[in-house]
Amino acid sequence: MTKPLSLDPITIEISWNSLRSIADECFLTLMRSAFSTNIKERHDHSTAIADRNGRLIVQAENALPIHLASMSGLIGLILEQYEGSLAPGDIFIANDPHVAGGSHLPDINMAMPIFDGDRLLGFVANIVHHADVGGASVGSMSGGLNEIYKEGLRIPILRLFRKGERCDDIMRLLLLNMRLPDERLGDLNAQIAAVKLGVKRIGEMVARHGADHLTALCDEIVSRTNQRMRKAIAGVADGEYSFADVMDDDGLGTEDVRIALTVRKAGEKVVFDFTGTSPQVPGNFNMTLNTTKSAVCYALKALLDPEVPNNQGIFDAIEIRAEPGSFVNCAHPAGVAMRANSCQRVVDVVLGAFAEALPGRVIGAANGANTSAVFAGTDPQTGHSYVYLETLGGGMGGRAAKDGKDGVQVHITNTANLPVEAIELEYPLRVEEYSLITDSGGAGKHRGGMGIRRAIRPIGHLCEFNGVGDRFRHRPWGIFGGMPGATGQFRLRNDDGSSRDLPSKITGIFVTDETVVVIETPGAGGYGDPRERTPEAIREDLASGKFTADFVAAHYAPQKVA
């Protein structure tokens, strides 16, 4: 029997950074090659490298935490379904949450095996949020859909490339079922280019150091990550910690969808038990277990060791218990398109549960949503159809030593907000306001972050608007005496001066160029008793224009700013 190769610490560090640089290069290649603004501007994509056993080894630095378990799930299923028939040059594609390890249909996964001769060494994978994958609503991201069949094209694990040759019939089938097929083809080609580049770069690494070196490196990385995570877990006081929160509604009449969590910590072992969580709902806010796993792993890493690598070692350090058919472990044919909003709430629940044990590391509830807006129509100048999709940030919760950040994507969805210039250059839309919402951050010793207001008008055409938000009814809670942040809102504002509020889950609203769609995202909760906020900080709140005198008078001692 061959003795496993032993690697010294310096070699491990150098080779580990080589793998990280390959994942990052793939990420940048995908971003720079993509056609849609959602990728090239907002960076709603991830890249990763897995080993021969399907274990995730490294994720690109700017990859999204929500994609972590989806890529791992895909590769595990490829090995299960195609073991023995994998070949160099194969590329697999999938998106389905129920049969292909995905998290929702707009996120299309690709993976390409890495070979040394006939020896399988691992996979290069990526995932891209496509602006539309068909379905009942433009953008494939609307609320109010009661089964996954309505959310878009479901792709099981398919071999898109066979031994280096593209299966054109499969590509034609995919594009026929998607709006804007030329844009979709551009983004799919960017994904193909990225996995091919990753396989090439790892091949170069193997040529220098050998296949045994890569195999030993992957084993060592996962082992060290797991040991490091377990050591961090051991530093938390043993005990049982519980918390619960609710989603506003599912868009189909089910309100106050409960997410309950009990964390049981003993030594190096931690169990996340979601017993008491609501059953899966008719609306499409449900989560698969892979999605829940991504949210829990992100939150634990953020609390205990933010610098620990994102890989299988984290998964192996925890246990998740979630009843099949529940909101956080849904069963087919549950809709899941809006699962990112629910993920944000799971993160808030994990933070709330650990507040007693880690008071200096938790934060107030963030905007707790992934407020999405889809504008679609026909460009009057070109005659071409367009789909503008964006998910907007909001407030970040107040922290133990700092205020929360304003107008940012939080937690598992670290995408960028699309610049005004990019919107107006790419689409027949005008952004009439892009601002922070006054008084939207919760008061506290350290205040919560502020929500975003974006007002958009279609130019010279009739435009369809679909919007989905949460924390539109329930405010983001504060912590340790901090006050809650403001809720979000969708509104139509007409040129005649009239306006009307829209529901938080709205589909198929048609807007003329005499109407502005106003999107307001939630703020975030504050941290600590507002009476402990310093006079200097309160004066800055007023001087910046972010908070009014009335807000300050209502929440802080007036004598502090006299």
Protein backbone atom coordinates (compact mmCIF):
# COMPACT_ATOMS: atom_id res chain seq x y z
CA MET A 1 0.00 0.00 0.00
CA THR A 2 1.35 3.42 -0.99
CA LYS A 3 2.12 5.67 1.96
CA PRO A 4 0.19 9.00 1.82
CA LEU A 5 2.31 11.95 0.79
CA SER A 6 3.29 14.21 3.71
CA LEU A 7 3.40 17.99 3.18
CA ASP A 8 5.32 20.49 5.31
CA PRO A 9 3.57 23.70 6.49
CA ILE A 10 5.38 26.00 4.03
CA THR A 11 4.48 23.82 1.05
CA ILE A 12 0.87 23.66 2.23
CA GLU A 13 0.64 27.45 2.50
CA ILE A 14 2.15 28.07 -0.93
CA SER A 15 0.01 25.43 -2.65
CA TRP A 16 -3.12 26.52 -0.77
CA ASN A 17 -2.63 30.06 -2.04
CA SER A 18 -2.18 28.67 -5.55
CA LEU A 19 -5.61 27.04 -5.35
CA ARG A 20 -7.12 30.26 -4.01
CA SER A 21 -5.62 32.26 -6.84
CA ILE A 22 -7.04 29.83 -9.39
CA ALA A 23 -10.54 30.15 -7.90
CA ASP A 24 -10.18 33.95 -7.91
CA GLU A 25 -8.94 33.99 -11.51
CA CYS A 26 -11.95 31.93 -12.56
CA PHE A 27 -14.23 34.37 -10.72
CA LEU A 28 -12.73 37.37 -12.54
CA THR A 29 -12.79 35.60 -15.89
CA LEU A 30 -16.49 34.86 -15.49
CA MET A 31 -17.24 38.43 -14.40
CA ARG A 32 -15.33 40.00 -17.32
CA SER A 33 -16.77 37.62 -19.92
CA ALA A 34 -20.43 37.79 -18.91
CA PHE A 35 -23.11 39.64 -20.87
CA SER A 36 -25.61 40.55 -18.14
CA THR A 37 -25.28 43.38 -15.64
CA ASN A 38 -26.17 40.96 -12.86
CA ILE A 39 -22.77 39.31 -13.35
CA LYS A 40 -20.43 41.87 -14.87
CA GLU A 41 -21.59 44.69 -12.55
CA ARG A 42 -23.26 43.08 -9.52
CA HIS A 43 -21.03 39.97 -9.33
CA ASP A 44 -23.85 37.57 -8.50
CA HIS A 45 -21.72 34.49 -9.13
CA SER A 46 -19.27 32.16 -7.41
CA THR A 47 -16.42 29.84 -8.33
CA ALA A 48 -14.94 26.92 -6.43
CA ILE A 49 -12.66 23.88 -6.56
CA ALA A 50 -13.60 20.46 -5.17
CA ASP A 51 -11.57 17.29 -4.69
CA ARG A 52 -12.05 13.82 -6.17
CA ASN A 53 -14.57 12.93 -3.43
CA GLY A 54 -16.73 15.95 -4.11
CA ARG A 55 -15.57 17.83 -1.02
CA LEU A 56 -15.47 21.60 -1.52
CA ILE A 57 -11.86 22.74 -1.02
CA VAL A 58 -11.74 26.43 -1.90
CA GLN A 59 -14.21 29.13 -2.87
CA ALA A 60 -13.20 32.41 -4.53
CA GLU A 61 -12.66 35.28 -2.12
CA ASN A 62 -15.61 37.27 -3.50
CA ALA A 63 -17.91 34.27 -3.94
CA LEU A 64 -21.31 34.31 -2.28
CA PRO A 65 -21.77 32.28 0.93
CA ILE A 66 -25.29 31.30 -0.20
CA HIS A 67 -23.72 29.30 -3.05
CA LEU A 68 -21.44 27.27 -0.79
CA ALA A 69 -23.53 24.14 -0.28
CA SER A 70 -25.12 24.27 -3.75
CA MET A 71 -21.82 23.72 -5.55
CA SER A 72 -20.86 21.00 -3.11
CA GLY A 73 -24.24 19.34 -3.55
CA LEU A 74 -23.96 19.36 -7.32
CA ILE A 75 -20.57 17.66 -7.39
CA GLY A 76 -21.64 14.99 -4.92
CA LEU A 77 -24.57 14.13 -7.17
CA ILE A 78 -22.38 14.09 -10.30
CA LEU A 79 -20.20 11.47 -8.63
CA GLU A 80 -23.27 9.51 -7.58
CA GLN A 81 -24.96 9.58 -10.99
CA TYR A 82 -22.02 9.50 -13.40
CA GLU A 83 -19.33 7.58 -11.53
CA GLY A 84 -17.44 5.38 -13.96
CA SER A 85 -18.37 7.39 -17.04
CA LEU A 86 -16.64 10.70 -16.31
CA ALA A 87 -14.09 11.73 -18.93
CA PRO A 88 -11.71 14.62 -19.57
CA GLY A 89 -13.50 17.45 -21.35
CA ASP A 90 -16.91 16.73 -19.78
CA ILE A 91 -18.85 19.73 -18.43
CA PHE A 92 -22.00 19.26 -16.39
CA ILE A 93 -24.85 21.75 -15.97
CA ALA A 94 -27.74 21.78 -13.47
CA ASN A 95 -29.96 24.09 -11.46
CA ASP A 96 -32.76 22.12 -9.82
CA PRO A 97 -33.00 22.39 -6.02
CA HIS A 98 -34.86 19.13 -5.56
CA VAL A 99 -32.83 16.75 -7.73
CA ALA A 100 -29.56 18.52 -8.57
CA GLY A 101 -28.32 20.16 -5.36
CA GLY A 102 -29.28 23.70 -6.40
CA SER A 103 -30.81 26.43 -4.28
CA HIS A 104 -33.16 28.09 -6.82
CA LEU A 105 -33.61 27.87 -10.59
CA PRO A 106 -31.94 31.15 -11.69
CA ASP A 107 -28.67 29.88 -10.18
CA ILE A 108 -27.20 27.65 -12.88
CA ASN A 109 -24.33 25.41 -11.78
CA MET A 110 -21.52 24.14 -13.97
CA ALA A 111 -18.77 21.69 -13.05
CA MET A 112 -15.87 20.21 -15.00
CA PRO A 113 -13.81 17.23 -13.81
CA ILE A 114 -10.02 17.47 -13.48
CA PHE A 115 -8.05 14.48 -14.71
CA ASP A 116 -4.43 13.41 -14.69
CA GLY A 117 -4.47 10.78 -17.41
CA ASP A 118 -7.41 8.57 -16.43
CA ARG A 119 -7.19 9.51 -12.74
CA LEU A 120 -9.93 11.81 -11.42
CA LEU A 121 -8.44 14.54 -9.21
CA GLY A 122 -11.37 16.85 -8.58
CA PHE A 123 -13.69 19.44 -10.14
CA VAL A 124 -13.78 23.12 -11.00
CA ALA A 125 -17.27 24.56 -10.49
CA ASN A 126 -19.12 27.82 -10.78
CA ILE A 127 -22.61 29.15 -10.27
CA VAL A 128 -24.26 32.16 -11.90
CA HIS A 129 -27.55 33.88 -11.14
CA HIS A 130 -29.11 34.31 -14.58
CA ALA A 131 -31.49 37.23 -15.07
CA ASP A 132 -34.19 34.93 -16.45
CA VAL A 133 -34.61 31.17 -16.83
CA GLY A 134 -38.20 31.17 -18.08
CA GLY A 135 -41.25 30.38 -15.99
CA ALA A 136 -44.49 32.19 -15.29
CA SER A 137 -42.93 35.57 -14.50
CA VAL A 138 -40.27 37.67 -16.16
CA GLY A 139 -37.00 37.40 -14.27
CA SER A 140 -37.92 34.04 -12.68
CA MET A 141 -37.84 35.80 -9.29
CA SER A 142 -41.45 36.75 -8.56
CA GLY A 143 -43.34 35.93 -5.42
CA GLY A 144 -46.75 34.31 -5.38
CA LEU A 145 -45.78 31.16 -7.28
CA ASN A 146 -46.98 28.00 -5.57
CA GLU A 147 -44.79 25.30 -7.16
CA ILE A 148 -41.36 25.05 -8.67
CA TYR A 149 -42.74 24.25 -12.13
CA LYS A 150 -43.84 27.89 -12.43
CA GLU A 151 -40.45 29.33 -11.49
CA GLY A 152 -38.52 28.49 -14.63
CA LEU A 153 -36.75 25.76 -16.53
CA ARG A 154 -35.69 22.88 -14.28
CA ILE A 155 -32.33 21.41 -15.28
CA PRO A 156 -31.31 18.05 -13.80
CA ILE A 157 -27.65 17.14 -13.96
CA LEU A 158 -26.86 17.02 -17.69
CA ARG A 159 -23.64 16.55 -19.61
CA LEU A 160 -23.41 19.79 -21.61
CA PHE A 161 -19.97 18.86 -22.98
CA ARG A 162 -18.99 15.27 -23.69
CA LYS A 163 -15.22 14.71 -23.99
CA GLY A 164 -14.75 18.31 -25.09
CA GLU A 165 -17.63 18.44 -27.59
CA ARG A 166 -20.65 20.59 -26.83
CA CYS A 167 -24.02 18.83 -26.91
CA ASP A 168 -25.78 21.39 -29.09
CA ASP A 169 -29.20 19.78 -28.72
CA ILE A 170 -29.08 20.34 -24.96
CA MET A 171 -27.98 23.96 -25.39
CA ARG A 172 -30.83 24.60 -27.86
CA LEU A 173 -33.32 23.11 -25.43
CA LEU A 174 -32.08 25.32 -22.60
CA LEU A 175 -32.11 28.55 -24.60
CA LEU A 176 -35.55 27.90 -26.11
CA ASN A 177 -37.06 27.98 -22.62
CA MET A 178 -35.37 31.20 -21.47
CA ARG A 179 -36.18 34.81 -22.20
CA LEU A 180 -33.34 36.77 -23.84
CA PRO A 181 -31.55 33.69 -25.21
CA ASP A 182 -28.64 35.70 -26.63
CA GLU A 183 -27.86 37.13 -23.17
CA ARG A 184 -28.25 33.70 -21.59
CA LEU A 185 -25.88 32.17 -24.13
CA GLY A 186 -23.33 34.89 -23.37
CA ASP A 187 -23.47 34.17 -19.64
CA LEU A 188 -23.37 30.40 -20.16
CA ASN A 189 -20.33 30.77 -22.40
CA ALA A 190 -18.68 32.81 -19.63
CA GLN A 191 -19.32 29.94 -17.22
CA ILE A 192 -17.87 27.45 -19.70
CA ALA A 193 -14.76 29.59 -20.17
CA ALA A 194 -14.28 29.87 -16.40
CA VAL A 195 -14.40 26.12 -15.69
CA LYS A 196 -12.08 25.39 -18.62
CA LEU A 197 -9.60 27.95 -17.34
CA GLY A 198 -9.69 26.45 -13.84
CA VAL A 199 -9.05 22.93 -15.15
CA LYS A 200 -6.15 24.24 -17.24
CA ARG A 201 -4.57 26.06 -14.30
CA ILE A 202 -4.85 23.06 -11.99
CA GLY A 203 -3.39 20.90 -14.73
CA GLU A 204 -0.38 23.22 -14.78
CA MET A 205 -0.11 22.88 -11.00
CA VAL A 206 -0.25 19.08 -11.23
CA ALA A 207 2.41 19.11 -13.97
CA ARG A 208 4.74 20.96 -11.56
CA HIS A 209 4.05 19.05 -8.36
CA GLY A 210 2.28 15.81 -9.26
CA ALA A 211 -1.21 14.40 -8.70
CA ASP A 212 -0.33 12.96 -5.29
CA HIS A 213 0.63 16.46 -4.15
CA LEU A 214 -2.84 17.83 -5.04
CA THR A 215 -4.62 14.93 -3.38
CA ALA A 216 -2.60 15.27 -0.17
CA LEU A 217 -3.11 19.04 -0.20
CA CYS A 218 -6.90 18.72 -0.40
CA ASP A 219 -6.96 16.23 2.46
CA GLU A 220 -4.80 18.49 4.58
CA ILE A 221 -6.84 21.62 3.88
CA VAL A 222 -10.13 19.98 4.86
CA SER A 223 -8.58 18.41 7.96
CA ARG A 224 -6.99 21.65 9.15
CA THR A 225 -10.17 23.65 8.50
CA ASN A 226 -12.20 21.14 10.47
CA GLN A 227 -9.75 21.17 13.39
CA ARG A 228 -9.71 24.96 13.42
CA MET A 229 -13.50 25.18 13.37
CA ARG A 230 -13.90 22.62 16.13
CA LYS A 231 -11.38 24.51 18.25
CA ALA A 232 -13.41 27.70 17.78
CA ILE A 233 -16.60 25.86 18.70
CA ALA A 234 -14.94 24.54 21.85
CA GLY A 235 -14.35 28.13 22.94
CA VAL A 236 -18.11 28.78 23.25
CA ALA A 237 -19.66 28.07 26.62
CA ASP A 238 -21.51 24.76 26.70
CA GLY A 239 -25.25 25.08 26.86
CA GLU A 240 -28.52 25.29 25.00
CA TYR A 241 -29.41 28.53 23.21
CA SER A 242 -32.70 29.28 21.50
CA PHE A 243 -34.19 31.98 19.29
CA ALA A 244 -37.02 32.40 16.81
CA ASP A 245 -38.13 34.94 14.23
CA VAL A 246 -40.71 35.14 11.45
CA MET A 247 -40.94 35.95 7.78
CA ASP A 248 -43.63 38.53 6.99
CA ASP A 249 -45.56 36.20 4.66
CA ASP A 250 -45.12 33.83 1.73
CA GLY A 251 -46.95 35.95 -0.87
CA LEU A 252 -49.91 33.55 -0.94
CA GLY A 253 -51.61 34.33 2.35
CA THR A 254 -49.46 32.53 4.93
CA GLU A 255 -48.28 35.15 7.42
CA ASP A 256 -45.64 35.06 10.15
CA VAL A 257 -43.77 32.01 8.90
CA ARG A 258 -41.77 30.89 11.93
CA ILE A 259 -38.11 29.91 11.95
CA ALA A 260 -37.21 28.41 15.33
CA LEU A 261 -33.72 27.32 16.35
CA THR A 262 -32.19 25.60 19.35
CA VAL A 263 -28.39 25.39 19.41
CA ARG A 264 -26.94 22.65 21.61
CA LYS A 265 -23.25 23.09 22.30
CA ALA A 266 -21.08 20.54 24.14
CA GLY A 267 -17.30 20.55 23.82
CA GLU A 268 -16.37 20.59 20.14
CA LYS A 269 -19.84 19.50 19.05
CA VAL A 270 -22.64 21.86 18.01
CA VAL A 271 -26.11 20.89 16.83
CA PHE A 272 -28.48 23.31 15.09
CA ASP A 273 -32.01 22.01 15.67
CA PHE A 274 -34.82 23.71 13.73
CA THR A 275 -37.61 21.79 15.46
CA GLY A 276 -40.61 24.13 15.84
CA THR A 277 -40.11 25.78 12.46
CA SER A 278 -43.21 26.17 10.30
CA PRO A 279 -44.03 23.58 7.65
CA GLN A 280 -43.14 24.47 4.06
CA VAL A 281 -45.46 27.11 2.67
CA PRO A 282 -47.41 27.44 -0.60
CA GLY A 283 -45.38 30.52 -1.59
CA ASN A 284 -41.85 30.28 -2.95
CA PHE A 285 -39.82 31.29 0.10
CA ASN A 286 -39.02 27.72 1.14
CA MET A 287 -35.45 26.52 1.60
CA THR A 288 -33.79 23.25 0.71
CA LEU A 289 -31.51 21.71 3.31
CA ASN A 290 -28.44 22.71 1.25
CA THR A 291 -29.55 26.33 1.39
CA THR A 292 -30.11 26.18 5.14
CA LYS A 293 -26.69 24.58 5.55
CA SER A 294 -25.04 27.46 3.66
CA ALA A 295 -26.72 30.03 5.90
CA VAL A 296 -25.81 28.24 9.14
CA CYS A 297 -22.19 27.68 8.10
CA TYR A 298 -21.83 31.33 7.09
CA ALA A 299 -23.23 32.57 10.41
CA LEU A 300 -21.05 30.25 12.50
CA LYS A 301 -17.93 31.20 10.56
CA ALA A 302 -18.73 34.92 10.91
CA LEU A 303 -19.19 34.54 14.65
CA LEU A 304 -16.28 32.26 15.50
CA ASP A 305 -13.55 32.54 12.88
CA PRO A 306 -14.17 34.83 9.89
CA GLU A 307 -10.82 33.92 8.33
CA VAL A 308 -11.39 30.16 8.25
CA PRO A 309 -11.61 28.87 4.65
CA ASN A 310 -15.00 28.03 3.12
CA ASN A 311 -14.79 24.29 2.55
CA GLN A 312 -16.01 20.88 3.60
CA GLY A 313 -14.21 21.17 6.91
CA ILE A 314 -16.88 23.59 8.14
CA PHE A 315 -19.73 21.30 7.06
CA ASP A 316 -18.11 18.41 8.90
CA ALA A 317 -17.87 20.39 12.14
CA ILE A 318 -21.63 20.88 12.61
CA GLU A 319 -24.88 18.94 12.65
CA ILE A 320 -28.17 20.32 11.35
CA ARG A 321 -31.54 18.83 12.26
CA ALA A 322 -34.50 19.98 10.18
CA GLU A 323 -37.72 18.08 9.67
CA PRO A 324 -38.29 17.08 6.02
CA GLY A 325 -41.18 19.09 4.66
CA SER A 326 -40.43 22.04 6.93
CA PHE A 327 -39.77 25.59 5.78
CA VAL A 328 -36.01 25.07 6.11
CA ASN A 329 -35.94 21.58 4.55
CA CYS A 330 -38.68 21.63 1.96
CA ALA A 331 -39.80 18.78 -0.28
CA HIS A 332 -40.75 18.69 -3.96
CA PRO A 333 -42.58 20.51 -5.54
CA ALA A 334 -42.10 23.40 -3.12
CA GLY A 335 -41.24 26.77 -4.68
CA VAL A 336 -37.89 28.22 -3.60
CA ALA A 337 -37.21 31.19 -5.91
CA MET A 338 -37.10 33.73 -3.08
CA ARG A 339 -35.05 31.58 -0.70
CA ALA A 340 -32.40 34.30 -0.21
CA ASN A 341 -34.83 36.31 1.92
CA SER A 342 -35.39 33.26 4.11
CA CYS A 343 -31.63 32.64 4.32
CA GLN A 344 -31.16 36.11 5.73
CA ARG A 345 -33.69 35.31 8.42
CA VAL A 346 -31.92 32.06 9.28
CA VAL A 347 -28.71 34.05 9.77
CA ASP A 348 -30.56 36.48 12.06
CA VAL A 349 -31.93 33.55 14.05
CA VAL A 350 -28.46 32.00 14.47
CA LEU A 351 -27.09 35.36 15.65
CA GLY A 352 -30.01 35.78 18.04
CA ALA A 353 -29.42 32.33 19.49
CA PHE A 354 -25.74 33.07 20.16
CA ALA A 355 -26.35 36.51 21.68
CA GLU A 356 -26.09 35.23 25.26
CA ALA A 357 -22.92 33.24 24.61
CA LEU A 358 -21.15 35.75 22.32
CA PRO A 359 -22.49 39.22 23.16
CA GLY A 360 -19.44 41.00 21.73
CA ARG A 361 -19.67 39.29 18.34
CA VAL A 362 -23.36 39.33 17.43
CA ILE A 363 -25.10 42.27 15.75
CA GLY A 364 -28.63 43.63 15.56
CA ALA A 365 -30.92 42.22 12.91
CA ALA A 366 -29.85 43.37 9.46
CA ASN A 367 -32.35 44.37 6.76
CA GLY A 368 -33.20 40.68 6.78
CA ALA A 369 -34.26 40.52 3.15
CA ASN A 370 -32.97 40.33 -0.37
CA THR A 371 -35.30 42.94 -1.82
CA SER A 372 -35.66 42.13 -5.51
CA ALA A 373 -36.88 44.31 -8.37
CA VAL A 374 -37.44 43.19 -11.95
CA PHE A 375 -38.19 45.64 -14.76
CA ALA A 376 -38.99 44.20 -18.19
CA GLY A 377 -40.20 45.49 -21.52
CA THR A 378 -39.17 46.38 -25.05
CA ASP A 379 -36.57 49.08 -25.61
CA PRO A 380 -38.31 51.71 -27.81
CA GLN A 381 -35.04 52.64 -29.51
CA THR A 382 -33.78 49.16 -30.42
CA GLY A 383 -36.99 47.14 -30.46
CA HIS A 384 -35.25 44.50 -28.36
CA SER A 385 -36.66 42.97 -25.20
CA TYR A 386 -34.83 43.55 -21.92
CA VAL A 387 -34.95 42.27 -18.36
CA TYR A 388 -33.35 44.31 -15.58
CA LEU A 389 -33.02 42.30 -12.38
CA GLU A 390 -31.50 43.55 -9.18
CA THR A 391 -31.51 42.62 -5.53
CA LEU A 392 -30.91 45.67 -3.37
CA GLY A 393 -29.08 45.97 -0.08
CA GLY A 394 -30.20 47.76 3.06
CA GLY A 395 -29.06 48.28 6.61
CA MET A 396 -26.51 46.20 8.52
CA GLY A 397 -27.13 45.68 12.22
CA GLY A 398 -25.41 47.76 14.88
CA ARG A 399 -22.27 46.13 16.27
CA ALA A 400 -20.66 45.93 19.71
CA ALA A 401 -18.10 48.61 18.85
CA LYS A 402 -19.44 50.25 15.67
CA ASP A 403 -22.56 51.46 13.95
CA GLY A 404 -24.04 49.21 11.28
CA LYS A 405 -23.14 49.95 7.67
CA ASP A 406 -25.60 51.83 5.48
CA GLY A 407 -27.07 50.60 2.21
CA VAL A 408 -25.11 47.37 1.75
CA GLN A 409 -25.74 43.74 0.92
CA VAL A 410 -25.42 41.77 4.13
CA HIS A 411 -24.45 38.29 5.24
CA ILE A 412 -24.88 35.61 2.58
CA THR A 413 -25.58 37.88 -0.42
CA ASN A 414 -22.48 40.02 -0.81
CA THR A 415 -23.30 41.29 -4.29
CA ALA A 416 -22.85 44.92 -5.36
CA ASN A 417 -25.61 47.44 -5.90
CA LEU A 418 -25.86 48.19 -9.63
CA PRO A 419 -24.52 51.69 -10.45
CA VAL A 420 -26.97 54.24 -11.83
CA GLU A 421 -24.76 54.70 -14.89
CA ALA A 422 -24.95 50.99 -15.72
CA ILE A 423 -28.74 50.91 -15.42
CA GLU A 424 -29.28 53.92 -17.66
CA LEU A 425 -26.69 52.75 -20.20
CA GLU A 426 -28.07 49.22 -20.54
CA TYR A 427 -31.84 49.76 -20.17
CA PRO A 428 -34.53 52.32 -21.19
CA LEU A 429 -34.90 53.38 -17.55
CA ARG A 430 -34.09 56.54 -15.61
CA VAL A 431 -33.03 56.47 -11.97
CA GLU A 432 -34.56 59.59 -10.43
CA GLU A 433 -33.41 58.95 -6.89
CA TYR A 434 -30.79 56.76 -5.28
CA SER A 435 -30.39 57.62 -1.63
CA LEU A 436 -30.25 56.46 1.96
CA ILE A 437 -33.58 56.60 3.80
CA THR A 438 -33.59 59.16 6.60
CA ASP A 439 -34.25 57.76 10.11
CA SER A 440 -34.28 54.14 8.89
CA GLY A 441 -31.47 52.82 11.13
CA GLY A 442 -32.52 51.66 14.61
CA ALA A 443 -31.30 53.78 17.52
CA GLY A 444 -28.76 52.33 19.90
CA LYS A 445 -25.40 52.80 21.57
CA HIS A 446 -24.34 51.86 18.05
CA ARG A 447 -27.11 52.53 15.58
CA GLY A 448 -28.32 50.20 12.85
CA GLY A 449 -27.54 50.80 9.19
CA MET A 450 -29.87 52.65 6.84
CA GLY A 451 -32.03 51.32 4.03
CA ILE A 452 -31.87 52.37 0.38
CA ARG A 453 -34.43 54.28 -1.69
CA ARG A 454 -34.32 53.85 -5.46
CA ALA A 455 -36.85 55.55 -7.75
CA ILE A 456 -36.97 54.30 -11.36
CA ARG A 457 -39.00 55.54 -14.34
CA PRO A 458 -39.42 53.73 -17.68
CA ILE A 459 -38.54 55.91 -20.69
CA GLY A 460 -40.93 55.96 -23.64
CA HIS A 461 -42.52 52.56 -23.14
CA LEU A 462 -44.80 50.40 -21.03
CA CYS A 463 -42.76 48.47 -18.48
CA GLU A 464 -43.60 45.48 -16.30
CA PHE A 465 -42.50 45.59 -12.65
CA ASN A 466 -42.22 42.63 -10.27
CA GLY A 467 -41.03 43.16 -6.71
CA VAL A 468 -40.41 40.96 -3.69
CA GLY A 469 -39.40 42.12 -0.23
CA ASP A 470 -39.56 41.09 3.40
CA ARG A 471 -39.21 42.98 6.69
CA PHE A 472 -42.01 45.09 5.20
CA ARG A 473 -44.27 44.25 8.17
CA HIS A 474 -41.90 43.15 10.94
CA ARG A 475 -39.11 45.59 11.72
CA PRO A 476 -35.49 44.36 12.01
CA TRP A 477 -34.99 43.90 15.75
CA GLY A 478 -32.38 45.61 17.87
CA ILE A 479 -30.20 43.80 20.39
CA PHE A 480 -29.22 44.44 24.03
CA GLY A 481 -31.62 47.40 24.22
CA GLY A 482 -31.11 48.64 20.66
CA MET A 483 -34.18 49.81 18.77
CA PRO A 484 -35.56 48.19 15.61
CA GLY A 485 -34.84 49.55 12.15
CA ALA A 486 -37.43 50.76 9.65
CA THR A 487 -39.42 48.46 7.36
CA GLY A 488 -39.25 48.43 3.57
CA GLN A 489 -41.85 49.54 1.04
CA PHE A 490 -42.79 49.44 -2.66
CA ARG A 491 -44.69 52.46 -4.01
CA LEU A 492 -45.93 53.90 -7.32
CA ARG A 493 -45.65 57.69 -7.63
CA ASN A 494 -47.54 59.33 -10.48
CA ASP A 495 -46.74 62.63 -12.17
CA ASP A 496 -50.18 63.97 -11.21
CA GLY A 497 -49.09 63.85 -7.57
CA SER A 498 -50.96 60.71 -6.58
CA SER A 499 -49.28 57.59 -5.25
CA ARG A 500 -50.16 54.16 -3.97
CA ASP A 501 -48.40 51.59 -1.85
CA LEU A 502 -47.85 48.12 -3.27
CA PRO A 503 -47.79 44.77 -1.47
CA SER A 504 -44.41 43.36 -0.51
CA LYS A 505 -44.81 40.56 -3.06
CA ILE A 506 -46.13 42.04 -6.30
CA THR A 507 -46.17 40.64 -9.84
CA GLY A 508 -47.26 42.00 -13.21
CA ILE A 509 -47.62 45.71 -12.48
CA PHE A 510 -47.45 47.69 -15.73
CA VAL A 511 -45.93 51.14 -15.48
CA THR A 512 -45.95 53.99 -18.00
CA ASP A 513 -43.40 56.76 -18.37
CA GLU A 514 -45.69 58.96 -16.26
CA THR A 515 -45.07 56.81 -13.19
CA VAL A 516 -42.05 56.21 -10.97
CA VAL A 517 -41.50 52.94 -9.11
CA VAL A 518 -40.12 53.68 -5.64
CA ILE A 519 -38.27 50.87 -3.88
CA GLU A 520 -37.38 51.29 -0.20
CA THR A 521 -35.38 48.58 1.55
CA PRO A 522 -35.40 47.95 5.31
CA GLY A 523 -32.91 49.47 7.72
CA ALA A 524 -31.38 47.49 10.59
CA GLY A 525 -31.57 47.15 14.35
CA GLY A 526 -29.33 49.00 16.78
CA TYR A 527 -26.94 47.54 19.35
CA GLY A 528 -27.09 48.56 23.02
CA ASP A 529 -29.08 51.09 25.00
CA PRO A 530 -29.59 54.36 23.03
CA ARG A 531 -28.92 56.28 26.25
CA GLU A 532 -25.27 55.16 25.99
CA ARG A 533 -24.70 56.74 22.59
CA THR A 534 -22.03 59.42 22.79
CA PRO A 535 -22.85 63.10 22.21
CA GLU A 536 -20.29 63.17 19.38
CA ALA A 537 -22.05 60.30 17.59
CA ILE A 538 -25.46 61.94 17.99
CA ARG A 539 -24.17 65.26 16.62
CA GLU A 540 -22.76 63.36 13.63
CA ASP A 541 -26.17 61.75 13.09
CA LEU A 542 -27.70 65.21 12.82
CA ALA A 543 -24.92 66.87 10.85
CA SER A 544 -24.87 64.11 8.25
CA GLY A 545 -28.57 64.54 7.53
CA LYS A 546 -29.09 60.82 8.01
CA PHE A 547 -31.31 61.39 11.05
CA THR A 548 -33.74 64.17 11.85
CA ALA A 549 -33.96 66.24 14.99
CA ASP A 550 -37.29 64.57 15.79
CA PHE A 551 -35.68 61.11 15.62
CA VAL A 552 -32.84 62.20 17.90
CA ALA A 553 -35.25 63.78 20.37
CA ALA A 554 -37.38 60.64 20.46
CA HIS A 555 -34.52 58.17 21.04
CA TYR A 556 -31.64 59.98 22.73
CA ALA A 557 -31.29 62.21 25.78
CA PRO A 558 -31.76 65.80 24.49
CA GLN A 559 -29.09 67.17 26.83
CA LYS A 560 -26.46 65.12 25.03
CA VAL A 561 -26.65 67.34 21.95
CA ALA A 562 -27.34 70.64 23.62
